[in-house]
Protein backbone atom coordinates (compact mmCIF):
# COMPACT_ATOMS: atom_id res chain seq x y z
CA MET A 1 -8.20 -30.77 -68.75
CA ALA A 2 -9.87 -29.09 -71.14
CA ARG A 3 -13.31 -27.40 -69.95
CA LEU A 4 -16.48 -28.55 -70.75
CA PRO A 5 -18.70 -26.20 -73.04
CA ARG A 6 -21.32 -24.00 -71.39
CA TYR A 7 -24.77 -25.13 -71.46
CA SER A 8 -26.93 -23.08 -74.03
CA ILE A 9 -30.32 -24.39 -73.75
CA VAL A 10 -33.22 -22.21 -74.15
CA ASN A 11 -35.98 -21.70 -71.54
CA GLN A 12 -33.86 -23.73 -68.81
CA PRO A 13 -33.04 -21.77 -65.83
CA GLN A 14 -29.32 -21.60 -64.99
CA HIS A 15 -27.39 -20.34 -61.77
CA ILE A 16 -24.71 -18.26 -62.63
CA ILE A 17 -21.58 -16.92 -60.67
CA GLN A 18 -19.12 -14.28 -61.60
CA GLN A 19 -16.30 -13.78 -59.41
CA GLY A 20 -13.79 -10.95 -59.00
CA ARG A 21 -10.30 -11.77 -59.95
CA ASP A 22 -8.30 -13.15 -57.12
CA GLY A 23 -10.96 -12.96 -55.11
CA GLN A 24 -10.67 -8.97 -55.30
CA GLN A 25 -13.44 -6.59 -54.39
CA VAL A 26 -15.72 -5.48 -57.35
CA PHE A 27 -17.88 -3.11 -55.49
CA PHE A 28 -16.83 -0.34 -52.88
CA GLU A 29 -19.61 2.31 -53.14
CA GLU A 30 -23.37 2.52 -53.49
CA GLN A 31 -23.02 3.79 -56.86
CA ASP A 32 -20.97 0.64 -57.90
CA TYR A 33 -23.87 -1.49 -57.12
CA GLN A 34 -26.29 0.68 -58.64
CA TYR A 35 -24.27 1.11 -61.93
CA PHE A 36 -23.84 -2.66 -62.26
CA HIS A 37 -27.64 -3.29 -61.41
CA ASP A 38 -28.56 -0.99 -64.37
CA CYS A 39 -26.00 -2.72 -66.78
CA LEU A 40 -27.47 -5.92 -65.68
CA ASP A 41 -31.17 -4.72 -66.25
CA ALA A 42 -30.51 -3.09 -69.72
CA ALA A 43 -28.15 -6.14 -71.02
CA ALA A 44 -30.65 -8.70 -69.59
CA TYR A 45 -33.59 -6.56 -71.55
CA ASN A 46 -31.55 -6.49 -74.68
CA TYR A 47 -30.22 -10.08 -74.83
CA ARG A 48 -33.92 -11.59 -73.51
CA LEU A 49 -32.18 -12.72 -70.42
CA ARG A 50 -35.06 -13.26 -67.81
CA VAL A 51 -33.76 -12.78 -64.24
CA HIS A 52 -35.45 -14.22 -61.19
CA ALA A 53 -33.00 -13.79 -58.55
CA TYR A 54 -29.55 -12.01 -57.94
CA VAL A 55 -27.56 -10.71 -55.09
CA LEU A 56 -24.43 -8.44 -55.68
CA MET A 57 -21.84 -9.36 -53.20
CA PRO A 58 -18.73 -7.07 -52.62
CA ASP A 59 -16.31 -9.72 -54.78
CA HIS A 60 -18.76 -11.84 -56.55
CA VAL A 61 -22.36 -11.96 -58.13
CA HIS A 62 -24.82 -14.74 -58.42
CA MET A 63 -27.84 -14.85 -60.87
CA LEU A 64 -30.71 -17.11 -61.22
CA ALA A 65 -31.86 -16.64 -64.97
CA THR A 66 -33.84 -18.35 -67.95
CA PRO A 67 -32.37 -17.41 -71.49
CA ALA A 68 -34.61 -16.91 -74.25
CA SER A 69 -32.06 -17.42 -76.86
CA THR A 70 -28.97 -19.75 -77.08
CA GLY A 71 -26.66 -16.49 -76.66
CA SER A 72 -28.76 -14.68 -73.95
CA ILE A 73 -26.42 -15.24 -70.87
CA SER A 74 -23.14 -15.14 -72.66
CA ARG A 75 -23.90 -11.79 -74.45
CA THR A 76 -25.39 -10.30 -71.32
CA ILE A 77 -22.21 -11.06 -69.45
CA GLN A 78 -20.29 -9.77 -72.31
CA SER A 79 -22.09 -6.33 -72.11
CA ILE A 80 -21.63 -6.21 -68.54
CA GLY A 81 -18.22 -6.90 -68.72
CA ARG A 82 -17.57 -3.87 -71.07
CA ASN A 83 -19.43 -1.40 -69.37
CA TYR A 84 -18.95 -1.78 -65.85
CA VAL A 85 -15.31 -2.81 -66.10
CA GLN A 86 -14.89 0.53 -67.86
CA TYR A 87 -16.47 2.29 -65.42
CA PHE A 88 -14.68 0.44 -62.70
CA ASN A 89 -11.45 1.38 -63.94
CA GLU A 90 -12.17 5.14 -64.39
CA CYS A 91 -13.73 5.12 -60.91
CA TYR A 92 -10.50 3.33 -59.32
CA GLN A 93 -7.81 4.01 -61.54
CA GLY A 94 -7.67 0.49 -62.56
CA SER A 95 -6.47 -1.34 -65.78
CA GLY A 96 -7.16 -4.61 -67.44
CA THR A 97 -9.63 -7.53 -66.33
CA LEU A 98 -11.72 -7.17 -63.13
CA TRP A 99 -13.51 -10.60 -63.42
CA GLU A 100 -11.90 -13.95 -62.78
CA GLY A 101 -11.77 -15.64 -66.37
CA ARG A 102 -14.99 -17.12 -67.44
CA TYR A 103 -18.34 -16.81 -65.33
CA ARG A 104 -19.40 -20.09 -63.95
CA ALA A 105 -23.32 -21.57 -64.54
CA THR A 106 -25.01 -24.59 -64.58
CA VAL A 107 -28.70 -25.76 -65.40
CA LEU A 108 -30.95 -26.91 -62.59
CA ASP A 109 -34.39 -28.45 -62.62
CA GLY A 110 -36.55 -25.87 -61.98
CA ARG A 111 -39.34 -27.72 -60.17
CA ASN A 112 -37.10 -28.95 -57.56
CA TYR A 113 -34.27 -26.67 -57.28
CA LEU A 114 -35.38 -23.22 -58.50
CA LEU A 115 -36.93 -21.78 -55.48
CA THR A 116 -34.06 -23.49 -53.39
CA CYS A 117 -31.62 -21.86 -55.47
CA SER A 118 -33.32 -18.41 -55.32
CA ARG A 119 -33.26 -18.67 -51.66
CA TYR A 120 -29.68 -19.68 -51.59
CA ILE A 121 -28.70 -16.48 -53.60
CA GLU A 122 -30.65 -14.24 -51.25
CA LEU A 123 -29.39 -15.92 -48.27
CA ASN A 124 -25.66 -15.37 -49.45
CA PRO A 125 -25.13 -12.11 -47.70
CA VAL A 126 -26.24 -13.84 -44.36
CA ARG A 127 -24.05 -16.76 -44.89
CA ASN A 128 -21.05 -14.50 -45.40
CA HIS A 129 -22.07 -12.48 -42.09
CA LEU A 130 -22.85 -9.17 -43.93
CA VAL A 131 -26.44 -9.03 -42.46
CA ASP A 132 -28.57 -10.98 -40.01
CA LYS A 133 -31.48 -11.49 -42.31
CA PRO A 134 -31.98 -11.28 -46.06
CA GLY A 135 -34.24 -8.34 -46.03
CA ASP A 136 -31.36 -6.15 -44.37
CA TYR A 137 -29.18 -6.50 -47.54
CA ARG A 138 -30.20 -3.96 -50.15
CA TRP A 139 -28.55 -5.54 -53.22
CA SER A 140 -30.54 -8.57 -53.87
CA SER A 141 -33.99 -9.51 -55.25
CA TYR A 142 -35.42 -10.52 -51.69
CA ALA A 143 -37.04 -7.19 -51.54
CA HIS A 144 -38.97 -7.94 -54.83
CA ASN A 145 -39.72 -11.40 -54.38
CA ALA A 146 -40.46 -11.36 -50.63
CA ARG A 147 -41.54 -7.72 -49.97
CA ARG A 148 -43.08 -6.92 -53.40
CA LYS A 149 -40.71 -3.84 -53.70
CA THR A 150 -40.73 -3.31 -57.44
CA ASP A 151 -37.38 -4.24 -59.22
CA GLU A 152 -38.21 -4.09 -62.97
CA MET A 153 -35.61 -6.43 -63.80
CA ILE A 154 -37.19 -9.56 -61.94
CA SER A 155 -39.13 -11.49 -64.21
CA PRO A 156 -41.07 -14.11 -61.98
CA ALA A 157 -40.44 -17.96 -62.99
CA ARG A 158 -43.51 -20.37 -63.33
CA GLU A 159 -42.28 -21.96 -59.80
CA TYR A 160 -42.53 -18.63 -58.32
CA GLN A 161 -46.11 -17.71 -59.71
CA ARG A 162 -47.37 -21.04 -58.35
CA LEU A 163 -46.96 -19.97 -54.85
CA GLY A 164 -49.94 -18.01 -54.84
CA VAL A 165 -53.14 -16.22 -56.82
CA ASP A 166 -51.82 -12.71 -56.55
CA ASP A 167 -48.39 -10.97 -55.81
CA LYS A 168 -49.30 -10.54 -52.29
CA GLU A 169 -50.26 -14.18 -51.82
CA ARG A 170 -46.95 -15.18 -53.56
CA ALA A 171 -44.76 -12.80 -51.53
CA ARG A 172 -46.35 -14.10 -48.35
CA ALA A 173 -45.47 -17.87 -49.16
CA TYR A 174 -42.16 -16.80 -50.43
CA ARG A 175 -41.14 -15.36 -47.13
CA SER A 176 -42.45 -18.64 -45.54
CA LEU A 177 -39.96 -20.76 -47.34
CA PHE A 178 -37.18 -18.98 -45.88
CA LYS A 179 -38.19 -20.67 -42.24
CA GLN A 180 -36.94 -23.88 -44.02
CA LYS A 181 -33.07 -23.47 -43.44
CA ILE A 182 -30.66 -24.24 -46.36
CA GLY A 183 -28.06 -26.61 -44.82
CA ASP A 184 -24.63 -26.61 -45.68
CA ALA A 185 -24.65 -29.72 -47.81
CA GLN A 186 -27.19 -28.43 -49.81
CA ALA A 187 -25.79 -25.09 -50.42
CA GLN A 188 -22.28 -26.83 -50.89
CA GLU A 189 -24.06 -29.13 -53.47
CA ILE A 190 -25.41 -25.87 -55.46
CA THR A 191 -21.98 -23.93 -55.36
CA GLU A 192 -19.99 -26.99 -56.53
CA ALA A 193 -22.35 -27.90 -59.27
CA THR A 194 -22.23 -24.51 -60.50
CA LEU A 195 -18.51 -23.99 -60.17
CA LYS A 196 -18.20 -27.47 -62.15
CA GLY A 197 -20.85 -27.25 -64.45
CA TRP A 198 -22.54 -30.26 -63.21
CA VAL A 199 -26.43 -30.06 -63.40
CA LEU A 200 -28.58 -29.74 -60.49
CA GLY A 201 -31.53 -32.29 -60.91
CA ASP A 202 -31.78 -36.18 -60.45
CA ALA A 203 -30.51 -38.73 -63.02
CA ARG A 204 -33.43 -38.33 -65.21
CA PHE A 205 -33.00 -34.47 -65.67
CA ALA A 206 -29.51 -35.01 -66.08
CA ARG A 207 -29.93 -37.54 -68.95
CA LYS A 208 -32.32 -35.15 -70.49
CA ILE A 209 -29.70 -32.26 -70.36
CA GLU A 210 -26.96 -34.45 -71.85
CA THR A 211 -29.17 -35.03 -74.78
CA LEU A 212 -29.96 -31.44 -75.36
CA SER A 213 -26.53 -29.92 -74.57
CA GLY A 214 -24.52 -33.10 -76.35
CA ARG A 215 -22.14 -32.73 -73.19
CA ARG A 216 -21.89 -34.48 -69.87
CA ALA A 217 -24.01 -33.27 -67.31
CA THR A 218 -22.78 -35.23 -64.28
CA GLN A 219 -19.52 -35.89 -62.92
CA LEU A 220 -17.78 -39.33 -64.09
CA PRO A 221 -17.12 -42.13 -61.35
CA LYS A 222 -13.89 -41.60 -59.59
CA GLY A 223 -11.14 -44.23 -60.17
CA ARG A 224 -10.32 -46.65 -63.12
CA PRO A 225 -13.27 -48.25 -64.61
CA LYS A 226 -13.38 -51.73 -63.71
CA GLY A 227 -12.18 -54.59 -65.94
CA SER A 228 -14.60 -56.72 -67.97
């Protein structure tokens, strides 16, 4: 089955996943994480991709970001691919492709999903039993969004800015959101929608995205269509 084209809708937030080929590890040392972070920071700036949240896991990467141009996401990922893969292969005597094919991404309704998706991303190390609390994991945006530790790469989304009148109030309100558990079903919904390219939003939002993108935004009903 042919893959659906990626979404290229300006100013619409997307959840992005990039996985290591065959589940292989893509980060080993602290310097690996730092180099990737620097590559992402530079590429996002150059290609006008506003990054709201991220986590660098040992074998994959999550980002929540809003493109300011139609090529913001693809060019950012391509730039990271060139620079980080070269670095990785030189450090670990590797060759060829590091990542598993195409990156996966989907658009989401910012008003209803952005802060939930941001927490989903920053809780990834907890779900994968790497740490007990999101603040214990260094390579994510949690320290910036929840603790006001500056990460120049992060651009606050409108929904985040609405949490308070200043940075201190926003961080406190954002931390309080983590008291609300993201259930397994909701986490699975975000994961599957991203991997399959189905929008995260209600039917009205899906229709809007289909009009803007010219492609299906939701899965077709299962089974054969009923006869007239």
